[in-house]
Amino acid sequence: MTKIQNSKQYDLEERTLNFARRVIEFVNRLPRTLPNLEISKQLVRSSGSVGANYIEANEALSKKDFVVRIKISRKESKESRYWLRLVQVNNRKDEKERAYLIQEATELMKIFGSILEKSK
């Protein structure tokens, strides 16, 4: 890999880590309703899985394994977006953060889709 590719790889690892961190911070501010508690668990899992599977993809032993891990990252991005759309918020600040996180999940989903297309 060239230095530029390594930099991009690192940037996406950081970006997925920051996404998961912001989701955790967001979840910690949510109203403690029964639906939010259940949705929050799913949201934290899926948002963390985006980056974890991307890291696994970069350590893949075969192209097939790489593709499978990238597909999982894309799927977890979609799932995160779904849970973000379902969760209930109480104020404008959290609504604004939710909109940002939905946009980030959408962009990550598209990035992983692009990686899949290029790896064919």
PDB file of N, CA and C in Angstrom:
ATOM      1  N   MET A   1       0.837  -1.200   0.000  1.00  0.00           N
ATOM      2  CA  MET A   1       0.000   0.000   0.000  1.00  0.00           C
ATOM      3  C   MET A   1       0.872   1.250   0.000  1.00  0.00           C
ATOM      4  N   THR A   2       0.377   2.258  -0.656  1.00  0.00           N
ATOM      5  CA  THR A   2       1.100   3.518  -0.656  1.00  0.00           C
ATOM      6  C   THR A   2       0.768   4.288   0.611  1.00  0.00           C
ATOM      7  N   LYS A   3       1.531   5.327   0.833  1.00  0.00           N
ATOM      8  CA  LYS A   3       1.307   6.152   2.016  1.00  0.00           C
ATOM      9  C   LYS A   3      -0.087   6.785   2.003  1.00  0.00           C
ATOM     10  N   ILE A   4      -0.552   7.188   0.832  1.00  0.00           N
ATOM     11  CA  ILE A   4      -1.874   7.815   0.716  1.00  0.00           C
ATOM     12  C   ILE A   4      -2.960   6.811   1.105  1.00  0.00           C
ATOM     13  N   GLN A   5      -2.854   5.581   0.609  1.00  0.00           N
ATOM     14  CA  GLN A   5      -3.851   4.570   0.958  1.00  0.00           C
ATOM     15  C   GLN A   5      -3.838   4.297   2.459  1.00  0.00           C
ATOM     16  N   ASN A   6      -2.668   4.210   3.067  1.00  0.00           N
ATOM     17  CA  ASN A   6      -2.582   4.006   4.517  1.00  0.00           C
ATOM     18  C   ASN A   6      -3.234   5.153   5.260  1.00  0.00           C
ATOM     19  N   SER A   7      -3.027   6.370   4.771  1.00  0.00           N
ATOM     20  CA  SER A   7      -3.627   7.546   5.400  1.00  0.00           C
ATOM     21  C   SER A   7      -5.143   7.481   5.309  1.00  0.00           C
ATOM     22  N   LYS A   8      -5.662   7.090   4.141  1.00  0.00           N
ATOM     23  CA  LYS A   8      -7.109   6.976   3.976  1.00  0.00           C
ATOM     24  C   LYS A   8      -7.666   5.890   4.885  1.00  0.00           C
ATOM     25  N   GLN A   9      -6.958   4.764   4.969  1.00  0.00           N
ATOM     26  CA  GLN A   9      -7.382   3.673   5.832  1.00  0.00           C
ATOM     27  C   GLN A   9      -7.453   4.166   7.276  1.00  0.00           C
ATOM     28  N   TYR A  10      -6.423   4.848   7.714  1.00  0.00           N
ATOM     29  CA  TYR A  10      -6.385   5.370   9.072  1.00  0.00           C
ATOM     30  C   TYR A  10      -7.513   6.369   9.291  1.00  0.00           C
ATOM     31  N   ASP A  11      -7.750   7.226   8.315  1.00  0.00           N
ATOM     32  CA  ASP A  11      -8.812   8.215   8.448  1.00  0.00           C
ATOM     33  C   ASP A  11     -10.177   7.551   8.607  1.00  0.00           C
ATOM     34  N   LEU A  12     -10.435   6.489   7.868  1.00  0.00           N
ATOM     35  CA  LEU A  12     -11.713   5.802   7.980  1.00  0.00           C
ATOM     36  C   LEU A  12     -11.809   5.057   9.316  1.00  0.00           C
ATOM     37  N   GLU A  13     -10.710   4.523   9.788  1.00  0.00           N
ATOM     38  CA  GLU A  13     -10.706   3.907  11.124  1.00  0.00           C
ATOM     39  C   GLU A  13     -11.031   4.961  12.176  1.00  0.00           C
ATOM     40  N   GLU A  14     -10.424   6.112  12.067  1.00  0.00           N
ATOM     41  CA  GLU A  14     -10.698   7.202  13.018  1.00  0.00           C
ATOM     42  C   GLU A  14     -12.135   7.688  12.888  1.00  0.00           C
ATOM     43  N   ARG A  15     -12.590   7.801  11.667  1.00  0.00           N
ATOM     44  CA  ARG A  15     -13.947   8.289  11.429  1.00  0.00           C
ATOM     45  C   ARG A  15     -14.985   7.335  12.027  1.00  0.00           C
ATOM     46  N   THR A  16     -14.784   6.042  11.853  1.00  0.00           N
ATOM     47  CA  THR A  16     -15.729   5.083  12.426  1.00  0.00           C
ATOM     48  C   THR A  16     -15.640   5.076  13.950  1.00  0.00           C
ATOM     49  N   LEU A  17     -14.448   5.267  14.496  1.00  0.00           N
ATOM     50  CA  LEU A  17     -14.282   5.359  15.950  1.00  0.00           C
ATOM     51  C   LEU A  17     -15.005   6.595  16.486  1.00  0.00           C
ATOM     52  N   ASN A  18     -14.833   7.721  15.816  1.00  0.00           N
ATOM     53  CA  ASN A  18     -15.507   8.952  16.235  1.00  0.00           C
ATOM     54  C   ASN A  18     -17.022   8.834  16.126  1.00  0.00           C
ATOM     55  N   PHE A  19     -17.491   8.138  15.104  1.00  0.00           N
ATOM     56  CA  PHE A  19     -18.927   7.905  14.961  1.00  0.00           C
ATOM     57  C   PHE A  19     -19.450   7.141  16.178  1.00  0.00           C
ATOM     58  N   ALA A  20     -18.781   6.055  16.531  1.00  0.00           N
ATOM     59  CA  ALA A  20     -19.215   5.248  17.680  1.00  0.00           C
ATOM     60  C   ALA A  20     -19.154   6.058  18.978  1.00  0.00           C
ATOM     61  N   ARG A  21     -18.107   6.850  19.142  1.00  0.00           N
ATOM     62  CA  ARG A  21     -17.998   7.683  20.353  1.00  0.00           C
ATOM     63  C   ARG A  21     -19.130   8.697  20.442  1.00  0.00           C
ATOM     64  N   ARG A  22     -19.432   9.345  19.320  1.00  0.00           N
ATOM     65  CA  ARG A  22     -20.520  10.346  19.326  1.00  0.00           C
ATOM     66  C   ARG A  22     -21.871   9.694  19.578  1.00  0.00           C
ATOM     67  N   VAL A  23     -22.046   8.493  19.065  1.00  0.00           N
ATOM     68  CA  VAL A  23     -23.291   7.768  19.339  1.00  0.00           C
ATOM     69  C   VAL A  23     -23.403   7.495  20.840  1.00  0.00           C
ATOM     70  N   ILE A  24     -22.332   7.055  21.463  1.00  0.00           N
ATOM     71  CA  ILE A  24     -22.355   6.779  22.902  1.00  0.00           C
ATOM     72  C   ILE A  24     -22.685   8.048  23.686  1.00  0.00           C
ATOM     73  N   GLU A  25     -22.055   9.153  23.336  1.00  0.00           N
ATOM     74  CA  GLU A  25     -22.348  10.424  24.013  1.00  0.00           C
ATOM     75  C   GLU A  25     -23.810  10.824  23.809  1.00  0.00           C
ATOM     76  N   PHE A  26     -24.301  10.636  22.592  1.00  0.00           N
ATOM     77  CA  PHE A  26     -25.693  10.952  22.268  1.00  0.00           C
ATOM     78  C   PHE A  26     -26.648  10.096  23.106  1.00  0.00           C
ATOM     79  N   VAL A  27     -26.392   8.807  23.145  1.00  0.00           N
ATOM     80  CA  VAL A  27     -27.241   7.873  23.894  1.00  0.00           C
ATOM     81  C   VAL A  27     -27.269   8.233  25.379  1.00  0.00           C
ATOM     82  N   ASN A  28     -26.144   8.651  25.912  1.00  0.00           N
ATOM     83  CA  ASN A  28     -26.088   9.006  27.330  1.00  0.00           C
ATOM     84  C   ASN A  28     -26.968  10.208  27.682  1.00  0.00           C
ATOM     85  N   ARG A  29     -27.331  11.018  26.698  1.00  0.00           N
ATOM     86  CA  ARG A  29     -28.181  12.193  26.942  1.00  0.00           C
ATOM     87  C   ARG A  29     -29.662  11.931  26.694  1.00  0.00           C
ATOM     88  N   LEU A  30     -29.996  10.779  26.169  1.00  0.00           N
ATOM     89  CA  LEU A  30     -31.383  10.498  25.801  1.00  0.00           C
ATOM     90  C   LEU A  30     -32.282  10.314  27.021  1.00  0.00           C
ATOM     91  N   PRO A  31     -33.579  10.616  26.852  1.00  0.00           N
ATOM     92  CA  PRO A  31     -34.541  10.346  27.922  1.00  0.00           C
ATOM     93  C   PRO A  31     -34.569   8.844  28.223  1.00  0.00           C
ATOM     94  N   ARG A  32     -34.677   8.488  29.475  1.00  0.00           N
ATOM     95  CA  ARG A  32     -34.647   7.087  29.901  1.00  0.00           C
ATOM     96  C   ARG A  32     -36.044   6.463  29.848  1.00  0.00           C
ATOM     97  N   THR A  33     -36.548   6.323  28.633  1.00  0.00           N
ATOM     98  CA  THR A  33     -37.834   5.652  28.449  1.00  0.00           C
ATOM     99  C   THR A  33     -37.544   4.193  28.089  1.00  0.00           C
ATOM    100  N   LEU A  34     -38.524   3.321  28.274  1.00  0.00           N
ATOM    101  CA  LEU A  34     -38.331   1.914  27.944  1.00  0.00           C
ATOM    102  C   LEU A  34     -37.940   1.723  26.470  1.00  0.00           C
ATOM    103  N   PRO A  35     -38.653   2.341  25.529  1.00  0.00           N
ATOM    104  CA  PRO A  35     -38.226   2.183  24.126  1.00  0.00           C
ATOM    105  C   PRO A  35     -36.798   2.684  23.879  1.00  0.00           C
ATOM    106  N   ASN A  36     -36.452   3.836  24.430  1.00  0.00           N
ATOM    107  CA  ASN A  36     -35.105   4.375  24.230  1.00  0.00           C
ATOM    108  C   ASN A  36     -34.032   3.469  24.810  1.00  0.00           C
ATOM    109  N   LEU A  37     -34.307   2.852  25.946  1.00  0.00           N
ATOM    110  CA  LEU A  37     -33.314   1.953  26.549  1.00  0.00           C
ATOM    111  C   LEU A  37     -33.031   0.769  25.623  1.00  0.00           C
ATOM    112  N   GLU A  38     -34.065   0.202  25.061  1.00  0.00           N
ATOM    113  CA  GLU A  38     -33.880  -0.937  24.149  1.00  0.00           C
ATOM    114  C   GLU A  38     -33.224  -0.501  22.840  1.00  0.00           C
ATOM    115  N   ILE A  39     -33.683   0.595  22.284  1.00  0.00           N
ATOM    116  CA  ILE A  39     -33.116   1.108  21.036  1.00  0.00           C
ATOM    117  C   ILE A  39     -31.655   1.488  21.245  1.00  0.00           C
ATOM    118  N   SER A  40     -31.358   2.100  22.380  1.00  0.00           N
ATOM    119  CA  SER A  40     -29.988   2.542  22.673  1.00  0.00           C
ATOM    120  C   SER A  40     -29.006   1.380  22.684  1.00  0.00           C
ATOM    121  N   LYS A  41     -29.415   0.266  23.256  1.00  0.00           N
ATOM    122  CA  LYS A  41     -28.537  -0.917  23.278  1.00  0.00           C
ATOM    123  C   LYS A  41     -28.194  -1.352  21.862  1.00  0.00           C
ATOM    124  N   GLN A  42     -29.213  -1.414  21.015  1.00  0.00           N
ATOM    125  CA  GLN A  42     -28.997  -1.815  19.626  1.00  0.00           C
ATOM    126  C   GLN A  42     -28.120  -0.800  18.890  1.00  0.00           C
ATOM    127  N   LEU A  43     -28.365   0.468  19.141  1.00  0.00           N
ATOM    128  CA  LEU A  43     -27.639   1.539  18.483  1.00  0.00           C
ATOM    129  C   LEU A  43     -26.161   1.530  18.856  1.00  0.00           C
ATOM    130  N   VAL A  44     -25.873   1.355  20.125  1.00  0.00           N
ATOM    131  CA  VAL A  44     -24.477   1.311  20.570  1.00  0.00           C
ATOM    132  C   VAL A  44     -23.765   0.110  19.950  1.00  0.00           C
ATOM    133  N   ARG A  45     -24.431  -1.027  19.923  1.00  0.00           N
ATOM    134  CA  ARG A  45     -23.820  -2.230  19.322  1.00  0.00           C
ATOM    135  C   ARG A  45     -23.530  -2.032  17.836  1.00  0.00           C
ATOM    136  N   SER A  46     -24.529  -1.571  17.101  1.00  0.00           N
ATOM    137  CA  SER A  46     -24.342  -1.449  15.651  1.00  0.00           C
ATOM    138  C   SER A  46     -23.325  -0.377  15.295  1.00  0.00           C
ATOM    139  N   SER A  47     -23.331   0.744  16.009  1.00  0.00           N
ATOM    140  CA  SER A  47     -22.378   1.821  15.692  1.00  0.00           C
ATOM    141  C   SER A  47     -20.944   1.390  15.979  1.00  0.00           C
ATOM    142  N   GLY A  48     -20.742   0.639  17.029  1.00  0.00           N
ATOM    143  CA  GLY A  48     -19.394   0.135  17.335  1.00  0.00           C
ATOM    144  C   GLY A  48     -18.946  -0.931  16.358  1.00  0.00           C
ATOM    145  N   SER A  49     -19.891  -1.697  15.873  1.00  0.00           N
ATOM    146  CA  SER A  49     -19.588  -2.778  14.943  1.00  0.00           C
ATOM    147  C   SER A  49     -19.128  -2.266  13.578  1.00  0.00           C
ATOM    148  N   VAL A  50     -19.550  -1.067  13.219  1.00  0.00           N
ATOM    149  CA  VAL A  50     -19.135  -0.480  11.936  1.00  0.00           C
ATOM    150  C   VAL A  50     -17.599  -0.448  11.859  1.00  0.00           C
ATOM    151  N   GLY A  51     -16.984   0.176  12.852  1.00  0.00           N
ATOM    152  CA  GLY A  51     -15.528   0.313  12.854  1.00  0.00           C
ATOM    153  C   GLY A  51     -14.805  -0.982  13.157  1.00  0.00           C
ATOM    154  N   ALA A  52     -15.363  -1.788  14.058  1.00  0.00           N
ATOM    155  CA  ALA A  52     -14.717  -3.055  14.415  1.00  0.00           C
ATOM    156  C   ALA A  52     -14.600  -3.961  13.191  1.00  0.00           C
ATOM    157  N   ASN A  53     -15.639  -4.012  12.395  1.00  0.00           N
ATOM    158  CA  ASN A  53     -15.585  -4.844  11.194  1.00  0.00           C
ATOM    159  C   ASN A  53     -14.698  -4.241  10.122  1.00  0.00           C
ATOM    160  N   TYR A  54     -14.620  -2.918  10.075  1.00  0.00           N
ATOM    161  CA  TYR A  54     -13.705  -2.293   9.123  1.00  0.00           C
ATOM    162  C   TYR A  54     -12.255  -2.638   9.478  1.00  0.00           C
ATOM    163  N   ILE A  55     -11.925  -2.587  10.758  1.00  0.00           N
ATOM    164  CA  ILE A  55     -10.575  -2.969  11.194  1.00  0.00           C
ATOM    165  C   ILE A  55     -10.302  -4.430  10.840  1.00  0.00           C
ATOM    166  N   GLU A  56     -11.295  -5.293  11.075  1.00  0.00           N
ATOM    167  CA  GLU A  56     -11.149  -6.699  10.712  1.00  0.00           C
ATOM    168  C   GLU A  56     -10.933  -6.859   9.208  1.00  0.00           C
ATOM    169  N   ALA A  57     -11.632  -6.067   8.415  1.00  0.00           N
ATOM    170  CA  ALA A  57     -11.467  -6.138   6.956  1.00  0.00           C
ATOM    171  C   ALA A  57     -10.035  -5.811   6.558  1.00  0.00           C
ATOM    172  N   ASN A  58      -9.450  -4.839   7.226  1.00  0.00           N
ATOM    173  CA  ASN A  58      -8.085  -4.442   6.892  1.00  0.00           C
ATOM    174  C   ASN A  58      -7.053  -5.482   7.313  1.00  0.00           C
ATOM    175  N   GLU A  59      -7.460  -6.398   8.158  1.00  0.00           N
ATOM    176  CA  GLU A  59      -6.567  -7.480   8.583  1.00  0.00           C
ATOM    177  C   GLU A  59      -6.959  -8.806   7.936  1.00  0.00           C
ATOM    178  N   ALA A  60      -7.844  -8.752   6.965  1.00  0.00           N
ATOM    179  CA  ALA A  60      -8.370  -9.967   6.333  1.00  0.00           C
ATOM    180  C   ALA A  60      -7.252 -10.795   5.704  1.00  0.00           C
ATOM    181  N   LEU A  61      -7.444 -12.107   5.770  1.00  0.00           N
ATOM    182  CA  LEU A  61      -6.467 -13.026   5.205  1.00  0.00           C
ATOM    183  C   LEU A  61      -6.735 -13.337   3.741  1.00  0.00           C
ATOM    184  N   SER A  62      -7.930 -12.981   3.274  1.00  0.00           N
ATOM    185  CA  SER A  62      -8.271 -13.224   1.872  1.00  0.00           C
ATOM    186  C   SER A  62      -9.178 -12.106   1.371  1.00  0.00           C
ATOM    187  N   LYS A  63      -9.307 -12.026   0.061  1.00  0.00           N
ATOM    188  CA  LYS A  63     -10.193 -11.026  -0.531  1.00  0.00           C
ATOM    189  C   LYS A  63     -11.640 -11.310  -0.138  1.00  0.00           C
ATOM    190  N   LYS A  64     -12.003 -12.585  -0.095  1.00  0.00           N
ATOM    191  CA  LYS A  64     -13.362 -12.966   0.287  1.00  0.00           C
ATOM    192  C   LYS A  64     -13.675 -12.492   1.703  1.00  0.00           C
ATOM    193  N   ASP A  65     -12.748 -12.690   2.616  1.00  0.00           N
ATOM    194  CA  ASP A  65     -12.928 -12.247   4.011  1.00  0.00           C
ATOM    195  C   ASP A  65     -13.045 -10.725   4.067  1.00  0.00           C
ATOM    196  N   PHE A  66     -12.214 -10.032   3.296  1.00  0.00           N
ATOM    197  CA  PHE A  66     -12.272  -8.567   3.229  1.00  0.00           C
ATOM    198  C   PHE A  66     -13.663  -8.107   2.798  1.00  0.00           C
ATOM    199  N   VAL A  67     -14.168  -8.699   1.719  1.00  0.00           N
ATOM    200  CA  VAL A  67     -15.473  -8.314   1.182  1.00  0.00           C
ATOM    201  C   VAL A  67     -16.575  -8.575   2.210  1.00  0.00           C
ATOM    202  N   VAL A  68     -16.521  -9.704   2.886  1.00  0.00           N
ATOM    203  CA  VAL A  68     -17.538 -10.031   3.891  1.00  0.00           C
ATOM    204  C   VAL A  68     -17.527  -8.994   5.011  1.00  0.00           C
ATOM    205  N   ARG A  69     -16.347  -8.617   5.491  1.00  0.00           N
ATOM    206  CA  ARG A  69     -16.255  -7.640   6.592  1.00  0.00           C
ATOM    207  C   ARG A  69     -16.739  -6.254   6.161  1.00  0.00           C
ATOM    208  N   ILE A  70     -16.424  -5.862   4.948  1.00  0.00           N
ATOM    209  CA  ILE A  70     -16.897  -4.570   4.438  1.00  0.00           C
ATOM    210  C   ILE A  70     -18.417  -4.586   4.307  1.00  0.00           C
ATOM    211  N   LYS A  71     -18.965  -5.700   3.844  1.00  0.00           N
ATOM    212  CA  LYS A  71     -20.426  -5.818   3.760  1.00  0.00           C
ATOM    213  C   LYS A  71     -21.058  -5.693   5.148  1.00  0.00           C
ATOM    214  N   ILE A  72     -20.423  -6.291   6.147  1.00  0.00           N
ATOM    215  CA  ILE A  72     -20.948  -6.186   7.510  1.00  0.00           C
ATOM    216  C   ILE A  72     -20.874  -4.738   7.988  1.00  0.00           C
ATOM    217  N   SER A  73     -19.782  -4.043   7.698  1.00  0.00           N
ATOM    218  CA  SER A  73     -19.670  -2.631   8.076  1.00  0.00           C
ATOM    219  C   SER A  73     -20.780  -1.808   7.431  1.00  0.00           C
ATOM    220  N   ARG A  74     -21.050  -2.082   6.170  1.00  0.00           N
ATOM    221  CA  ARG A  74     -22.131  -1.371   5.481  1.00  0.00           C
ATOM    222  C   ARG A  74     -23.481  -1.687   6.122  1.00  0.00           C
ATOM    223  N   LYS A  75     -23.704  -2.957   6.418  1.00  0.00           N
ATOM    224  CA  LYS A  75     -24.956  -3.379   7.050  1.00  0.00           C
ATOM    225  C   LYS A  75     -25.125  -2.729   8.420  1.00  0.00           C
ATOM    226  N   GLU A  76     -24.067  -2.654   9.195  1.00  0.00           N
ATOM    227  CA  GLU A  76     -24.135  -2.053  10.529  1.00  0.00           C
ATOM    228  C   GLU A  76     -24.352  -0.544  10.446  1.00  0.00           C
ATOM    229  N   SER A  77     -23.831   0.087   9.401  1.00  0.00           N
ATOM    230  CA  SER A  77     -24.101   1.511   9.174  1.00  0.00           C
ATOM    231  C   SER A  77     -25.578   1.733   8.915  1.00  0.00           C
ATOM    232  N   LYS A  78     -26.155   0.873   8.066  1.00  0.00           N
ATOM    233  CA  LYS A  78     -27.593   0.958   7.778  1.00  0.00           C
ATOM    234  C   LYS A  78     -28.411   0.744   9.047  1.00  0.00           C
ATOM    235  N   GLU A  79     -28.005  -0.250   9.830  1.00  0.00           N
ATOM    236  CA  GLU A  79     -28.730  -0.534  11.062  1.00  0.00           C
ATOM    237  C   GLU A  79     -28.633   0.633  12.034  1.00  0.00           C
ATOM    238  N   SER A  80     -27.476   1.232  12.157  1.00  0.00           N
ATOM    239  CA  SER A  80     -27.307   2.402  13.032  1.00  0.00           C
ATOM    240  C   SER A  80     -28.238   3.526  12.608  1.00  0.00           C
ATOM    241  N   ARG A  81     -28.317   3.745  11.314  1.00  0.00           N
ATOM    242  CA  ARG A  81     -29.208   4.787  10.792  1.00  0.00           C
ATOM    243  C   ARG A  81     -30.659   4.488  11.166  1.00  0.00           C
ATOM    244  N   TYR A  82     -31.046   3.245  11.055  1.00  0.00           N
ATOM    245  CA  TYR A  82     -32.402   2.832  11.407  1.00  0.00           C
ATOM    246  C   TYR A  82     -32.709   3.144  12.875  1.00  0.00           C
ATOM    247  N   TRP A  83     -31.824   2.730  13.781  1.00  0.00           N
ATOM    248  CA  TRP A  83     -32.049   2.963  15.212  1.00  0.00           C
ATOM    249  C   TRP A  83     -32.046   4.457  15.529  1.00  0.00           C
ATOM    250  N   LEU A  84     -31.187   5.209  14.866  1.00  0.00           N
ATOM    251  CA  LEU A  84     -31.158   6.660  15.086  1.00  0.00           C
ATOM    252  C   LEU A  84     -32.482   7.299  14.686  1.00  0.00           C
ATOM    253  N   ARG A  85     -33.098   6.801  13.655  1.00  0.00           N
ATOM    254  CA  ARG A  85     -34.384   7.347  13.209  1.00  0.00           C
ATOM    255  C   ARG A  85     -35.501   7.006  14.193  1.00  0.00           C
ATOM    256  N   LEU A  86     -35.375   5.899  14.920  1.00  0.00           N
ATOM    257  CA  LEU A  86     -36.409   5.459  15.852  1.00  0.00           C
ATOM    258  C   LEU A  86     -36.341   6.108  17.233  1.00  0.00           C
ATOM    259  N   VAL A  87     -35.147   6.437  17.668  1.00  0.00           N
ATOM    260  CA  VAL A  87     -34.962   6.909  19.041  1.00  0.00           C
ATOM    261  C   VAL A  87     -35.674   8.240  19.277  1.00  0.00           C
ATOM    262  N   GLN A  88     -36.142   8.431  20.504  1.00  0.00           N
ATOM    263  CA  GLN A  88     -36.868   9.649  20.868  1.00  0.00           C
ATOM    264  C   GLN A  88     -35.908  10.642  21.532  1.00  0.00           C
ATOM    265  N   VAL A  89     -35.988  11.904  21.100  1.00  0.00           N
ATOM    266  CA  VAL A  89     -35.174  12.954  21.713  1.00  0.00           C
ATOM    267  C   VAL A  89     -36.082  14.008  22.326  1.00  0.00           C
ATOM    268  N   ASN A  90     -35.519  14.804  23.236  1.00  0.00           N
ATOM    269  CA  ASN A  90     -36.317  15.800  23.951  1.00  0.00           C
ATOM    270  C   ASN A  90     -36.035  17.248  23.567  1.00  0.00           C
ATOM    271  N   ASN A  91     -34.883  17.506  22.950  1.00  0.00           N
ATOM    272  CA  ASN A  91     -34.547  18.910  22.721  1.00  0.00           C
ATOM    273  C   ASN A  91     -33.878  19.104  21.361  1.00  0.00           C
ATOM    274  N   ARG A  92     -33.753  20.378  20.990  1.00  0.00           N
ATOM    275  CA  ARG A  92     -33.189  20.721  19.675  1.00  0.00           C
ATOM    276  C   ARG A  92     -31.733  20.294  19.524  1.00  0.00           C
ATOM    277  N   LYS A  93     -30.966  20.423  20.584  1.00  0.00           N
ATOM    278  CA  LYS A  93     -29.553  20.045  20.516  1.00  0.00           C
ATOM    279  C   LYS A  93     -29.419  18.567  20.155  1.00  0.00           C
ATOM    280  N   ASP A  94     -30.209  17.733  20.812  1.00  0.00           N
ATOM    281  CA  ASP A  94     -30.143  16.299  20.525  1.00  0.00           C
ATOM    282  C   ASP A  94     -30.730  15.974  19.157  1.00  0.00           C
ATOM    283  N   GLU A  95     -31.729  16.706  18.746  1.00  0.00           N
ATOM    284  CA  GLU A  95     -32.294  16.503  17.411  1.00  0.00           C
ATOM    285  C   GLU A  95     -31.252  16.848  16.343  1.00  0.00           C
ATOM    286  N   LYS A  96     -30.515  17.903  16.581  1.00  0.00           N
ATOM    287  CA  LYS A  96     -29.451  18.311  15.655  1.00  0.00           C
ATOM    288  C   LYS A  96     -28.344  17.250  15.607  1.00  0.00           C
ATOM    289  N   GLU A  97     -27.983  16.721  16.773  1.00  0.00           N
ATOM    290  CA  GLU A  97     -26.957  15.669  16.826  1.00  0.00           C
ATOM    291  C   GLU A  97     -27.460  14.408  16.134  1.00  0.00           C
ATOM    292  N   ARG A  98     -28.724  14.071  16.339  1.00  0.00           N
ATOM    293  CA  ARG A  98     -29.273  12.896  15.667  1.00  0.00           C
ATOM    294  C   ARG A  98     -29.191  13.076  14.155  1.00  0.00           C
ATOM    295  N   ALA A  99     -29.555  14.239  13.655  1.00  0.00           N
ATOM    296  CA  ALA A  99     -29.481  14.492  12.215  1.00  0.00           C
ATOM    297  C   ALA A  99     -28.047  14.327  11.702  1.00  0.00           C
ATOM    298  N   TYR A 100     -27.087  14.836  12.472  1.00  0.00           N
ATOM    299  CA  TYR A 100     -25.680  14.678  12.092  1.00  0.00           C
ATOM    300  C   TYR A 100     -25.309  13.188  12.047  1.00  0.00           C
ATOM    301  N   LEU A 101     -25.688  12.443  13.070  1.00  0.00           N
ATOM    302  CA  LEU A 101     -25.334  11.029  13.143  1.00  0.00           C
ATOM    303  C   LEU A 101     -26.002  10.216  12.040  1.00  0.00           C
ATOM    304  N   ILE A 102     -27.234  10.567  11.696  1.00  0.00           N
ATOM    305  CA  ILE A 102     -27.908   9.892  10.577  1.00  0.00           C
ATOM    306  C   ILE A 102     -27.150  10.167   9.283  1.00  0.00           C
ATOM    307  N   GLN A 103     -26.732  11.412   9.096  1.00  0.00           N
ATOM    308  CA  GLN A 103     -25.960  11.765   7.903  1.00  0.00           C
ATOM    309  C   GLN A 103     -24.628  11.019   7.872  1.00  0.00           C
ATOM    310  N   GLU A 104     -23.971  10.925   9.005  1.00  0.00           N
ATOM    311  CA  GLU A 104     -22.682  10.220   9.074  1.00  0.00           C
ATOM    312  C   GLU A 104     -22.877   8.731   8.789  1.00  0.00           C
ATOM    313  N   ALA A 105     -23.912   8.134   9.339  1.00  0.00           N
ATOM    314  CA  ALA A 105     -24.186   6.719   9.072  1.00  0.00           C
ATOM    315  C   ALA A 105     -24.446   6.502   7.583  1.00  0.00           C
ATOM    316  N   THR A 106     -25.160   7.428   6.969  1.00  0.00           N
ATOM    317  CA  THR A 106     -25.457   7.347   5.534  1.00  0.00           C
ATOM    318  C   THR A 106     -24.170   7.459   4.722  1.00  0.00           C
ATOM    319  N   GLU A 107     -23.314   8.390   5.079  1.00  0.00           N
ATOM    320  CA  GLU A 107     -22.049   8.559   4.355  1.00  0.00           C
ATOM    321  C   GLU A 107     -21.160   7.331   4.518  1.00  0.00           C
ATOM    322  N   LEU A 108     -21.094   6.787   5.728  1.00  0.00           N
ATOM    323  CA  LEU A 108     -20.291   5.573   5.950  1.00  0.00           C
ATOM    324  C   LEU A 108     -20.835   4.421   5.116  1.00  0.00           C
ATOM    325  N   MET A 109     -22.135   4.298   5.069  1.00  0.00           N
ATOM    326  CA  MET A 109     -22.770   3.261   4.266  1.00  0.00           C
ATOM    327  C   MET A 109     -22.358   3.396   2.798  1.00  0.00           C
ATOM    328  N   LYS A 110     -22.361   4.613   2.291  1.00  0.00           N
ATOM    329  CA  LYS A 110     -21.973   4.857   0.899  1.00  0.00           C
ATOM    330  C   LYS A 110     -20.489   4.587   0.668  1.00  0.00           C
ATOM    331  N   ILE A 111     -19.664   4.958   1.623  1.00  0.00           N
ATOM    332  CA  ILE A 111     -18.220   4.691   1.514  1.00  0.00           C
ATOM    333  C   ILE A 111     -17.972   3.192   1.426  1.00  0.00           C
ATOM    334  N   PHE A 112     -18.619   2.422   2.315  1.00  0.00           N
ATOM    335  CA  PHE A 112     -18.423   0.967   2.284  1.00  0.00           C
ATOM    336  C   PHE A 112     -18.988   0.361   1.002  1.00  0.00           C
ATOM    337  N   GLY A 113     -20.075   0.919   0.497  1.00  0.00           N
ATOM    338  CA  GLY A 113     -20.613   0.471  -0.774  1.00  0.00           C
ATOM    339  C   GLY A 113     -19.639   0.717  -1.912  1.00  0.00           C
ATOM    340  N   SER A 114     -18.987   1.859  -1.877  1.00  0.00           N
ATOM    341  CA  SER A 114     -17.985   2.193  -2.890  1.00  0.00           C
ATOM    342  C   SER A 114     -16.777   1.259  -2.799  1.00  0.00           C
ATOM    343  N   ILE A 115     -16.348   0.971  -1.587  1.00  0.00           N
ATOM    344  CA  ILE A 115     -15.229   0.032  -1.389  1.00  0.00           C
ATOM    345  C   ILE A 115     -15.602  -1.326  -1.974  1.00  0.00           C
ATOM    346  N   LEU A 116     -16.827  -1.758  -1.742  1.00  0.00           N
ATOM    347  CA  LEU A 116     -17.269  -3.045  -2.300  1.00  0.00           C
ATOM    348  C   LEU A 116     -17.236  -3.039  -3.819  1.00  0.00           C
ATOM    349  N   GLU A 117     -17.704  -1.953  -4.422  1.00  0.00           N
ATOM    350  CA  GLU A 117     -17.700  -1.859  -5.880  1.00  0.00           C
ATOM    351  C   GLU A 117     -16.275  -1.934  -6.429  1.00  0.00           C
ATOM    352  N   LYS A 118     -15.369  -1.251  -5.768  1.00  0.00           N
ATOM    353  CA  LYS A 118     -13.978  -1.230  -6.239  1.00  0.00           C
ATOM    354  C   LYS A 118     -13.270  -2.548  -6.011  1.00  0.00           C
ATOM    355  N   SER A 119     -13.759  -3.356  -5.079  1.00  0.00           N
ATOM    356  CA  SER A 119     -13.069  -4.614  -4.784  1.00  0.00           C
ATOM    357  C   SER A 119     -13.553  -5.771  -5.651  1.00  0.00           C
ATOM    358  N   LYS A 120     -14.500  -5.497  -6.548  1.00  0.00           N
ATOM    359  CA  LYS A 120     -15.009  -6.560  -7.430  1.00  0.00           C
ATOM    360  C   LYS A 120     -14.030  -6.866  -8.519  1.00  0.00           C
TER     361      LYS A 120
END
